Structure formats: structure tokens, C-alpha cells
Amino acid sequence: MSDEIFDSVWDAIEDTPQEAENMRLRSSLLIALSRRIETEGWTQKDAAARLGVTQPRVSDLIRGKIDLFSLDALVNMVSAAGLHVDMTVSAAA
């Protein structure tokens, strides 16, 4: 067993820092969407109509199937959900 310490679970499981960063962004968007759906009390059918996707796609989102969503698709759904994405770029630690 390794004693290596990672800043993020994504750093531990992804092959490259670029893949880990992409997954961090995707997971943040997926969590925000899931919370919005729950907070608003939308059914999966309601959420699908609002987000412009199918109900099975919303089911995948709710179940956290992050590998099925591109960053672009998640940004589009966040916007359709009435949310705004703010992005900050900084030097890597």
C-alpha cells in the first residue's frame, strides 16, 4: 500500500493532471445540477424538459455517471437550469 497523498480523489485515479482537472470541473457541475434538481423539487421528467435532455439522461446525472457527460454538455445543462458558471484560472500549486 502506498503512502502517497493526493490533493483530490481525481488526482489519485486519473492518469494525467489534465484528466484530473477535467474531472474536477465535471464533478462540480454535476453536483450543482443534482442539487438544483433536488432543491427545485423537479421530477426527472421535469428536469429533462428544462435541461433539454431525455429523462434517462437526467437519471444518469442523478446517479453520478460522470463518465457519460462532457464538460460542454454539463455547462449547457447548468445554463438551462438557470445557473451561472464562474471560472477562475490560477497557477497550479
PDB file of N, CA and C in Angstrom:
ATOM      1  N   MET A   1       0.838  -1.173   0.000  1.00  0.00           N
ATOM      2  CA  MET A   1       0.000   0.000   0.000  1.00  0.00           C
ATOM      3  C   MET A   1       0.892   1.248   0.000  1.00  0.00           C
ATOM      4  N   SER A   2       0.542   2.213  -0.798  1.00  0.00           N
ATOM      5  CA  SER A   2       1.313   3.440  -0.939  1.00  0.00           C
ATOM      6  C   SER A   2       0.911   4.472   0.108  1.00  0.00           C
ATOM      7  N   ASP A   3       1.888   5.250   0.563  1.00  0.00           N
ATOM      8  CA  ASP A   3       1.619   6.337   1.499  1.00  0.00           C
ATOM      9  C   ASP A   3       1.479   7.663   0.770  1.00  0.00           C
ATOM     10  N   GLU A   4       1.298   7.606  -0.545  1.00  0.00           N
ATOM     11  CA  GLU A   4       1.191   8.821  -1.350  1.00  0.00           C
ATOM     12  C   GLU A   4      -0.081   9.574  -0.989  1.00  0.00           C
ATOM     13  N   ILE A   5       0.036  10.904  -0.902  1.00  0.00           N
ATOM     14  CA  ILE A   5      -1.095  11.760  -0.557  1.00  0.00           C
ATOM     15  C   ILE A   5      -1.444  12.613  -1.773  1.00  0.00           C
ATOM     16  N   PHE A   6      -2.739  12.691  -2.059  1.00  0.00           N
ATOM     17  CA  PHE A   6      -3.234  13.438  -3.217  1.00  0.00           C
ATOM     18  C   PHE A   6      -4.115  14.591  -2.753  1.00  0.00           C
ATOM     19  N   ASP A   7      -4.119  15.662  -3.531  1.00  0.00           N
ATOM     20  CA  ASP A   7      -4.983  16.807  -3.227  1.00  0.00           C
ATOM     21  C   ASP A   7      -6.447  16.492  -3.490  1.00  0.00           C
ATOM     22  N   SER A   8      -6.698  15.584  -4.400  1.00  0.00           N
ATOM     23  CA  SER A   8      -8.059  15.270  -4.828  1.00  0.00           C
ATOM     24  C   SER A   8      -8.142  13.798  -5.192  1.00  0.00           C
ATOM     25  N   VAL A   9      -9.319  13.240  -5.030  1.00  0.00           N
ATOM     26  CA  VAL A   9      -9.528  11.859  -5.454  1.00  0.00           C
ATOM     27  C   VAL A   9      -9.235  11.714  -6.950  1.00  0.00           C
ATOM     28  N   TRP A  10      -9.527  12.766  -7.705  1.00  0.00           N
ATOM     29  CA  TRP A  10      -9.291  12.721  -9.149  1.00  0.00           C
ATOM     30  C   TRP A  10      -7.807  12.610  -9.460  1.00  0.00           C
ATOM     31  N   ASP A  11      -6.971  13.257  -8.655  1.00  0.00           N
ATOM     32  CA  ASP A  11      -5.526  13.140  -8.839  1.00  0.00           C
ATOM     33  C   ASP A  11      -5.068  11.709  -8.609  1.00  0.00           C
ATOM     34  N   ALA A  12      -5.745  11.018  -7.702  1.00  0.00           N
ATOM     35  CA  ALA A  12      -5.383   9.643  -7.376  1.00  0.00           C
ATOM     36  C   ALA A  12      -5.810   8.649  -8.446  1.00  0.00           C
ATOM     37  N   ILE A  13      -6.938   8.894  -9.095  1.00  0.00           N
ATOM     38  CA  ILE A  13      -7.464   7.874 -10.003  1.00  0.00           C
ATOM     39  C   ILE A  13      -7.288   8.171 -11.491  1.00  0.00           C
ATOM     40  N   GLU A  14      -7.015   9.412 -11.837  1.00  0.00           N
ATOM     41  CA  GLU A  14      -6.826   9.741 -13.252  1.00  0.00           C
ATOM     42  C   GLU A  14      -5.355   9.615 -13.636  1.00  0.00           C
ATOM     43  N   ASP A  15      -5.111   9.374 -14.911  1.00  0.00           N
ATOM     44  CA  ASP A  15      -3.752   9.120 -15.393  1.00  0.00           C
ATOM     45  C   ASP A  15      -2.899  10.373 -15.531  1.00  0.00           C
ATOM     46  N   THR A  16      -3.535  11.499 -15.818  1.00  0.00           N
ATOM     47  CA  THR A  16      -2.773  12.730 -16.036  1.00  0.00           C
ATOM     48  C   THR A  16      -3.391  13.882 -15.248  1.00  0.00           C
ATOM     49  N   PRO A  17      -2.600  14.913 -14.974  1.00  0.00           N
ATOM     50  CA  PRO A  17      -3.166  16.088 -14.307  1.00  0.00           C
ATOM     51  C   PRO A  17      -4.278  16.737 -15.132  1.00  0.00           C
ATOM     52  N   GLN A  18      -4.183  16.676 -16.449  1.00  0.00           N
ATOM     53  CA  GLN A  18      -5.206  17.260 -17.312  1.00  0.00           C
ATOM     54  C   GLN A  18      -6.530  16.517 -17.156  1.00  0.00           C
ATOM     55  N   GLU A  19      -6.469  15.195 -17.122  1.00  0.00           N
ATOM     56  CA  GLU A  19      -7.694  14.410 -16.935  1.00  0.00           C
ATOM     57  C   GLU A  19      -8.291  14.665 -15.555  1.00  0.00           C
ATOM     58  N   ALA A  20      -7.444  14.775 -14.552  1.00  0.00           N
ATOM     59  CA  ALA A  20      -7.931  15.035 -13.190  1.00  0.00           C
ATOM     60  C   ALA A  20      -8.626  16.393 -13.117  1.00  0.00           C
ATOM     61  N   GLU A  21      -8.052  17.399 -13.757  1.00  0.00           N
ATOM     62  CA  GLU A  21      -8.666  18.742 -13.754  1.00  0.00           C
ATOM     63  C   GLU A  21     -10.013  18.720 -14.460  1.00  0.00           C
ATOM     64  N   ASN A  22     -10.085  18.026 -15.582  1.00  0.00           N
ATOM     65  CA  ASN A  22     -11.343  17.920 -16.312  1.00  0.00           C
ATOM     66  C   ASN A  22     -12.407  17.249 -15.444  1.00  0.00           C
ATOM     67  N   MET A  23     -12.036  16.208 -14.742  1.00  0.00           N
ATOM     68  CA  MET A  23     -12.992  15.501 -13.890  1.00  0.00           C
ATOM     69  C   MET A  23     -13.418  16.358 -12.700  1.00  0.00           C
ATOM     70  N   ARG A  24     -12.506  17.164 -12.146  1.00  0.00           N
ATOM     71  CA  ARG A  24     -12.871  18.068 -11.048  1.00  0.00           C
ATOM     72  C   ARG A  24     -13.945  19.049 -11.502  1.00  0.00           C
ATOM     73  N   LEU A  25     -13.745  19.615 -12.685  1.00  0.00           N
ATOM     74  CA  LEU A  25     -14.734  20.560 -13.219  1.00  0.00           C
ATOM     75  C   LEU A  25     -16.060  19.876 -13.499  1.00  0.00           C
ATOM     76  N   ARG A  26     -15.998  18.718 -14.136  1.00  0.00           N
ATOM     77  CA  ARG A  26     -17.228  17.990 -14.449  1.00  0.00           C
ATOM     78  C   ARG A  26     -17.984  17.608 -13.180  1.00  0.00           C
ATOM     79  N   SER A  27     -17.259  17.154 -12.158  1.00  0.00           N
ATOM     80  CA  SER A  27     -17.942  16.749 -10.926  1.00  0.00           C
ATOM     81  C   SER A  27     -18.595  17.941 -10.237  1.00  0.00           C
ATOM     82  N   SER A  28     -17.962  19.107 -10.257  1.00  0.00           N
ATOM     83  CA  SER A  28     -18.565  20.309  -9.663  1.00  0.00           C
ATOM     84  C   SER A  28     -19.870  20.670 -10.360  1.00  0.00           C
ATOM     85  N   LEU A  29     -19.872  20.594 -11.680  1.00  0.00           N
ATOM     86  CA  LEU A  29     -21.081  20.909 -12.443  1.00  0.00           C
ATOM     87  C   LEU A  29     -22.166  19.867 -12.213  1.00  0.00           C
ATOM     88  N   LEU A  30     -21.793  18.610 -12.175  1.00  0.00           N
ATOM     89  CA  LEU A  30     -22.762  17.540 -11.951  1.00  0.00           C
ATOM     90  C   LEU A  30     -23.406  17.692 -10.570  1.00  0.00           C
ATOM     91  N   ILE A  31     -22.610  18.012  -9.564  1.00  0.00           N
ATOM     92  CA  ILE A  31     -23.142  18.205  -8.215  1.00  0.00           C
ATOM     93  C   ILE A  31     -24.091  19.401  -8.188  1.00  0.00           C
ATOM     94  N   ALA A  32     -23.696  20.497  -8.835  1.00  0.00           N
ATOM     95  CA  ALA A  32     -24.556  21.690  -8.863  1.00  0.00           C
ATOM     96  C   ALA A  32     -25.900  21.381  -9.525  1.00  0.00           C
ATOM     97  N   LEU A  33     -25.870  20.635 -10.608  1.00  0.00           N
ATOM     98  CA  LEU A  33     -27.117  20.270 -11.291  1.00  0.00           C
ATOM     99  C   LEU A  33     -27.984  19.364 -10.427  1.00  0.00           C
ATOM    100  N   SER A  34     -27.385  18.378  -9.802  1.00  0.00           N
ATOM    101  CA  SER A  34     -28.142  17.466  -8.945  1.00  0.00           C
ATOM    102  C   SER A  34     -28.798  18.225  -7.794  1.00  0.00           C
ATOM    103  N   ARG A  35     -28.056  19.150  -7.203  1.00  0.00           N
ATOM    104  CA  ARG A  35     -28.603  19.957  -6.103  1.00  0.00           C
ATOM    105  C   ARG A  35     -29.745  20.846  -6.581  1.00  0.00           C
ATOM    106  N   ARG A  36     -29.590  21.417  -7.771  1.00  0.00           N
ATOM    107  CA  ARG A  36     -30.642  22.282  -8.325  1.00  0.00           C
ATOM    108  C   ARG A  36     -31.927  21.481  -8.531  1.00  0.00           C
ATOM    109  N   ILE A  37     -31.800  20.309  -9.088  1.00  0.00           N
ATOM    110  CA  ILE A  37     -32.961  19.443  -9.334  1.00  0.00           C
ATOM    111  C   ILE A  37     -33.640  19.106  -8.011  1.00  0.00           C
ATOM    112  N   GLU A  38     -32.843  18.756  -7.009  1.00  0.00           N
ATOM    113  CA  GLU A  38     -33.399  18.406  -5.700  1.00  0.00           C
ATOM    114  C   GLU A  38     -34.035  19.613  -5.024  1.00  0.00           C
ATOM    115  N   THR A  39     -33.340  20.747  -5.030  1.00  0.00           N
ATOM    116  CA  THR A  39     -33.835  21.963  -4.378  1.00  0.00           C
ATOM    117  C   THR A  39     -35.141  22.438  -4.993  1.00  0.00           C
ATOM    118  N   GLU A  40     -35.225  22.376  -6.310  1.00  0.00           N
ATOM    119  CA  GLU A  40     -36.432  22.825  -7.005  1.00  0.00           C
ATOM    120  C   GLU A  40     -37.562  21.804  -6.926  1.00  0.00           C
ATOM    121  N   GLY A  41     -37.241  20.585  -6.520  1.00  0.00           N
ATOM    122  CA  GLY A  41     -38.251  19.541  -6.430  1.00  0.00           C
ATOM    123  C   GLY A  41     -38.702  19.020  -7.785  1.00  0.00           C
ATOM    124  N   TRP A  42     -37.841  19.162  -8.787  1.00  0.00           N
ATOM    125  CA  TRP A  42     -38.186  18.701 -10.129  1.00  0.00           C
ATOM    126  C   TRP A  42     -38.174  17.174 -10.186  1.00  0.00           C
ATOM    127  N   THR A  43     -39.159  16.618 -10.855  1.00  0.00           N
ATOM    128  CA  THR A  43     -39.099  15.195 -11.177  1.00  0.00           C
ATOM    129  C   THR A  43     -38.055  15.036 -12.280  1.00  0.00           C
ATOM    130  N   GLN A  44     -37.668  13.822 -12.541  1.00  0.00           N
ATOM    131  CA  GLN A  44     -36.713  13.595 -13.637  1.00  0.00           C
ATOM    132  C   GLN A  44     -37.317  14.044 -14.968  1.00  0.00           C
ATOM    133  N   LYS A  45     -38.621  13.853 -15.123  1.00  0.00           N
ATOM    134  CA  LYS A  45     -39.297  14.290 -16.349  1.00  0.00           C
ATOM    135  C   LYS A  45     -39.259  15.813 -16.461  1.00  0.00           C
ATOM    136  N   ASP A  46     -39.550  16.516 -15.350  1.00  0.00           N
ATOM    137  CA  ASP A  46     -39.495  17.988 -15.335  1.00  0.00           C
ATOM    138  C   ASP A  46     -38.082  18.471 -15.648  1.00  0.00           C
ATOM    139  N   ALA A  47     -37.113  17.876 -14.986  1.00  0.00           N
ATOM    140  CA  ALA A  47     -35.716  18.276 -15.184  1.00  0.00           C
ATOM    141  C   ALA A  47     -35.290  18.060 -16.630  1.00  0.00           C
ATOM    142  N   ALA A  48     -35.694  16.949 -17.209  1.00  0.00           N
ATOM    143  CA  ALA A  48     -35.337  16.662 -18.604  1.00  0.00           C
ATOM    144  C   ALA A  48     -35.884  17.740 -19.535  1.00  0.00           C
ATOM    145  N   ALA A  49     -37.122  18.130 -19.323  1.00  0.00           N
ATOM    146  CA  ALA A  49     -37.732  19.164 -20.161  1.00  0.00           C
ATOM    147  C   ALA A  49     -37.003  20.494 -19.998  1.00  0.00           C
ATOM    148  N   ARG A  50     -36.664  20.848 -18.771  1.00  0.00           N
ATOM    149  CA  ARG A  50     -35.974  22.117 -18.509  1.00  0.00           C
ATOM    150  C   ARG A  50     -34.547  22.122 -19.057  1.00  0.00           C
ATOM    151  N   LEU A  51     -33.885  20.978 -18.965  1.00  0.00           N
ATOM    152  CA  LEU A  51     -32.480  20.888 -19.387  1.00  0.00           C
ATOM    153  C   LEU A  51     -32.312  20.560 -20.860  1.00  0.00           C
ATOM    154  N   GLY A  52     -33.397  20.195 -21.526  1.00  0.00           N
ATOM    155  CA  GLY A  52     -33.326  19.864 -22.946  1.00  0.00           C
ATOM    156  C   GLY A  52     -32.669  18.527 -23.229  1.00  0.00           C
ATOM    157  N   VAL A  53     -32.857  17.587 -22.303  1.00  0.00           N
ATOM    158  CA  VAL A  53     -32.300  16.245 -22.463  1.00  0.00           C
ATOM    159  C   VAL A  53     -33.409  15.227 -22.199  1.00  0.00           C
ATOM    160  N   THR A  54     -33.086  13.959 -22.343  1.00  0.00           N
ATOM    161  CA  THR A  54     -34.071  12.911 -22.084  1.00  0.00           C
ATOM    162  C   THR A  54     -34.107  12.570 -20.593  1.00  0.00           C
ATOM    163  N   GLN A  55     -35.185  11.942 -20.162  1.00  0.00           N
ATOM    164  CA  GLN A  55     -35.295  11.521 -18.760  1.00  0.00           C
ATOM    165  C   GLN A  55     -34.196  10.520 -18.393  1.00  0.00           C
ATOM    166  N   PRO A  56     -33.850   9.552 -19.260  1.00  0.00           N
ATOM    167  CA  PRO A  56     -32.744   8.657 -18.902  1.00  0.00           C
ATOM    168  C   PRO A  56     -31.418   9.404 -18.707  1.00  0.00           C
ATOM    169  N   ARG A  57     -31.244  10.497 -19.437  1.00  0.00           N
ATOM    170  CA  ARG A  57     -30.032  11.311 -19.284  1.00  0.00           C
ATOM    171  C   ARG A  57     -30.016  11.965 -17.904  1.00  0.00           C
ATOM    172  N   VAL A  58     -31.169  12.438 -17.443  1.00  0.00           N
ATOM    173  CA  VAL A  58     -31.270  13.014 -16.099  1.00  0.00           C
ATOM    174  C   VAL A  58     -31.008  11.925 -15.057  1.00  0.00           C
ATOM    175  N   SER A  59     -31.512  10.736 -15.289  1.00  0.00           N
ATOM    176  CA  SER A  59     -31.260   9.621 -14.380  1.00  0.00           C
ATOM    177  C   SER A  59     -29.762   9.354 -14.261  1.00  0.00           C
ATOM    178  N   ASP A  60     -29.063   9.366 -15.386  1.00  0.00           N
ATOM    179  CA  ASP A  60     -27.605   9.183 -15.366  1.00  0.00           C
ATOM    180  C   ASP A  60     -26.930  10.278 -14.553  1.00  0.00           C
ATOM    181  N   LEU A  61     -27.414  11.498 -14.705  1.00  0.00           N
ATOM    182  CA  LEU A  61     -26.866  12.636 -13.972  1.00  0.00           C
ATOM    183  C   LEU A  61     -27.058  12.449 -12.465  1.00  0.00           C
ATOM    184  N   ILE A  62     -28.283  12.122 -12.073  1.00  0.00           N
ATOM    185  CA  ILE A  62     -28.618  11.946 -10.657  1.00  0.00           C
ATOM    186  C   ILE A  62     -27.811  10.799 -10.042  1.00  0.00           C
ATOM    187  N   ARG A  63     -27.573   9.774 -10.833  1.00  0.00           N
ATOM    188  CA  ARG A  63     -26.813   8.615 -10.343  1.00  0.00           C
ATOM    189  C   ARG A  63     -25.308   8.849 -10.358  1.00  0.00           C
ATOM    190  N   GLY A  64     -24.886  10.031 -10.821  1.00  0.00           N
ATOM    191  CA  GLY A  64     -23.470  10.378 -10.786  1.00  0.00           C
ATOM    192  C   GLY A  64     -22.610   9.710 -11.836  1.00  0.00           C
ATOM    193  N   LYS A  65     -23.222   9.338 -12.947  1.00  0.00           N
ATOM    194  CA  LYS A  65     -22.469   8.675 -14.019  1.00  0.00           C
ATOM    195  C   LYS A  65     -21.682   9.711 -14.823  1.00  0.00           C
ATOM    196  N   ILE A  66     -20.689  10.266 -14.169  1.00  0.00           N
ATOM    197  CA  ILE A  66     -19.927  11.394 -14.686  1.00  0.00           C
ATOM    198  C   ILE A  66     -19.234  11.092 -16.011  1.00  0.00           C
ATOM    199  N   ASP A  67     -18.856   9.849 -16.209  1.00  0.00           N
ATOM    200  CA  ASP A  67     -18.167   9.469 -17.440  1.00  0.00           C
ATOM    201  C   ASP A  67     -19.041   9.607 -18.684  1.00  0.00           C
ATOM    202  N   LEU A  68     -20.350   9.741 -18.501  1.00  0.00           N
ATOM    203  CA  LEU A  68     -21.272   9.870 -19.633  1.00  0.00           C
ATOM    204  C   LEU A  68     -21.497  11.318 -20.062  1.00  0.00           C
ATOM    205  N   PHE A  69     -20.884  12.282 -19.347  1.00  0.00           N
ATOM    206  CA  PHE A  69     -21.127  13.693 -19.621  1.00  0.00           C
ATOM    207  C   PHE A  69     -19.836  14.428 -19.942  1.00  0.00           C
ATOM    208  N   SER A  70     -19.868  15.168 -21.034  1.00  0.00           N
ATOM    209  CA  SER A  70     -18.729  16.023 -21.370  1.00  0.00           C
ATOM    210  C   SER A  70     -18.852  17.322 -20.580  1.00  0.00           C
ATOM    211  N   LEU A  71     -17.758  18.014 -20.471  1.00  0.00           N
ATOM    212  CA  LEU A  71     -17.757  19.314 -19.813  1.00  0.00           C
ATOM    213  C   LEU A  71     -18.712  20.269 -20.528  1.00  0.00           C
ATOM    214  N   ASP A  72     -18.691  20.236 -21.840  1.00  0.00           N
ATOM    215  CA  ASP A  72     -19.554  21.096 -22.651  1.00  0.00           C
ATOM    216  C   ASP A  72     -21.034  20.810 -22.390  1.00  0.00           C
ATOM    217  N   ALA A  73     -21.397  19.537 -22.355  1.00  0.00           N
ATOM    218  CA  ALA A  73     -22.797  19.170 -22.111  1.00  0.00           C
ATOM    219  C   ALA A  73     -23.249  19.636 -20.730  1.00  0.00           C
ATOM    220  N   LEU A  74     -22.392  19.493 -19.734  1.00  0.00           N
ATOM    221  CA  LEU A  74     -22.745  19.920 -18.382  1.00  0.00           C
ATOM    222  C   LEU A  74     -22.904  21.435 -18.289  1.00  0.00           C
ATOM    223  N   VAL A  75     -22.043  22.179 -18.960  1.00  0.00           N
ATOM    224  CA  VAL A  75     -22.176  23.644 -18.966  1.00  0.00           C
ATOM    225  C   VAL A  75     -23.506  24.037 -19.595  1.00  0.00           C
ATOM    226  N   ASN A  76     -23.875  23.387 -20.676  1.00  0.00           N
ATOM    227  CA  ASN A  76     -25.152  23.684 -21.328  1.00  0.00           C
ATOM    228  C   ASN A  76     -26.335  23.388 -20.407  1.00  0.00           C
ATOM    229  N   MET A  77     -26.278  22.285 -19.688  1.00  0.00           N
ATOM    230  CA  MET A  77     -27.367  21.933 -18.785  1.00  0.00           C
ATOM    231  C   MET A  77     -27.416  22.878 -17.585  1.00  0.00           C
ATOM    232  N   VAL A  78     -26.272  23.283 -17.071  1.00  0.00           N
ATOM    233  CA  VAL A  78     -26.229  24.234 -15.957  1.00  0.00           C
ATOM    234  C   VAL A  78     -26.920  25.534 -16.364  1.00  0.00           C
ATOM    235  N   SER A  79     -26.616  26.008 -17.547  1.00  0.00           N
ATOM    236  CA  SER A  79     -27.239  27.234 -18.046  1.00  0.00           C
ATOM    237  C   SER A  79     -28.744  27.048 -18.203  1.00  0.00           C
ATOM    238  N   ALA A  80     -29.152  25.925 -18.760  1.00  0.00           N
ATOM    239  CA  ALA A  80     -30.579  25.648 -18.944  1.00  0.00           C
ATOM    240  C   ALA A  80     -31.305  25.533 -17.600  1.00  0.00           C
ATOM    241  N   ALA A  81     -30.572  25.168 -16.547  1.00  0.00           N
ATOM    242  CA  ALA A  81     -31.169  25.038 -15.217  1.00  0.00           C
ATOM    243  C   ALA A  81     -31.275  26.389 -14.505  1.00  0.00           C
ATOM    244  N   GLY A  82     -30.846  27.452 -15.191  1.00  0.00           N
ATOM    245  CA  GLY A  82     -30.928  28.776 -14.602  1.00  0.00           C
ATOM    246  C   GLY A  82     -29.769  29.097 -13.675  1.00  0.00           C
ATOM    247  N   LEU A  83     -28.672  28.384 -13.848  1.00  0.00           N
ATOM    248  CA  LEU A  83     -27.471  28.628 -13.055  1.00  0.00           C
ATOM    249  C   LEU A  83     -26.421  29.302 -13.915  1.00  0.00           C
ATOM    250  N   HIS A  84     -25.423  29.875 -13.276  1.00  0.00           N
ATOM    251  CA  HIS A  84     -24.342  30.549 -13.975  1.00  0.00           C
ATOM    252  C   HIS A  84     -23.017  29.926 -13.547  1.00  0.00           C
ATOM    253  N   VAL A  85     -22.116  29.750 -14.490  1.00  0.00           N
ATOM    254  CA  VAL A  85     -20.798  29.205 -14.201  1.00  0.00           C
ATOM    255  C   VAL A  85     -19.794  30.349 -14.146  1.00  0.00           C
ATOM    256  N   ASP A  86     -19.076  30.440 -13.035  1.00  0.00           N
ATOM    257  CA  ASP A  86     -17.967  31.377 -12.915  1.00  0.00           C
ATOM    258  C   ASP A  86     -16.692  30.552 -12.967  1.00  0.00           C
ATOM    259  N   MET A  87     -15.718  31.045 -13.689  1.00  0.00           N
ATOM    260  CA  MET A  87     -14.484  30.291 -13.831  1.00  0.00           C
ATOM    261  C   MET A  87     -13.315  31.146 -13.382  1.00  0.00           C
ATOM    262  N   THR A  88     -12.445  30.549 -12.607  1.00  0.00           N
ATOM    263  CA  THR A  88     -11.232  31.219 -12.173  1.00  0.00           C
ATOM    264  C   THR A  88     -10.054  30.352 -12.601  1.00  0.00           C
ATOM    265  N   VAL A  89      -9.089  30.972 -13.225  1.00  0.00           N
ATOM    266  CA  VAL A  89      -7.894  30.264 -13.646  1.00  0.00           C
ATOM    267  C   VAL A  89      -6.724  30.816 -12.840  1.00  0.00           C
ATOM    268  N   SER A  90      -5.951  29.923 -12.245  1.00  0.00           N
ATOM    269  CA  SER A  90      -4.806  30.340 -11.448  1.00  0.00           C
ATOM    270  C   SER A  90      -3.643  29.396 -11.694  1.00  0.00           C
ATOM    271  N   ALA A  91      -2.480  29.799 -11.244  1.00  0.00           N
ATOM    272  CA  ALA A  91      -1.294  28.960 -11.391  1.00  0.00           C
ATOM    273  C   ALA A  91      -1.474  27.685 -10.563  1.00  0.00           C
ATOM    274  N   ALA A  92      -1.002  26.569 -11.107  1.00  0.00           N
ATOM    275  CA  ALA A  92      -1.082  25.306 -10.390  1.00  0.00           C
ATOM    276  C   ALA A  92      -0.158  25.358  -9.182  1.00  0.00           C
ATOM    277  N   ALA A  93      -0.561  24.677  -8.137  1.00  0.00           N
ATOM    278  CA  ALA A  93       0.244  24.663  -6.904  1.00  0.00           C
ATOM    279  C   ALA A  93       1.486  23.826  -7.062  1.00  0.00           C
TER     280      ALA A  93
END
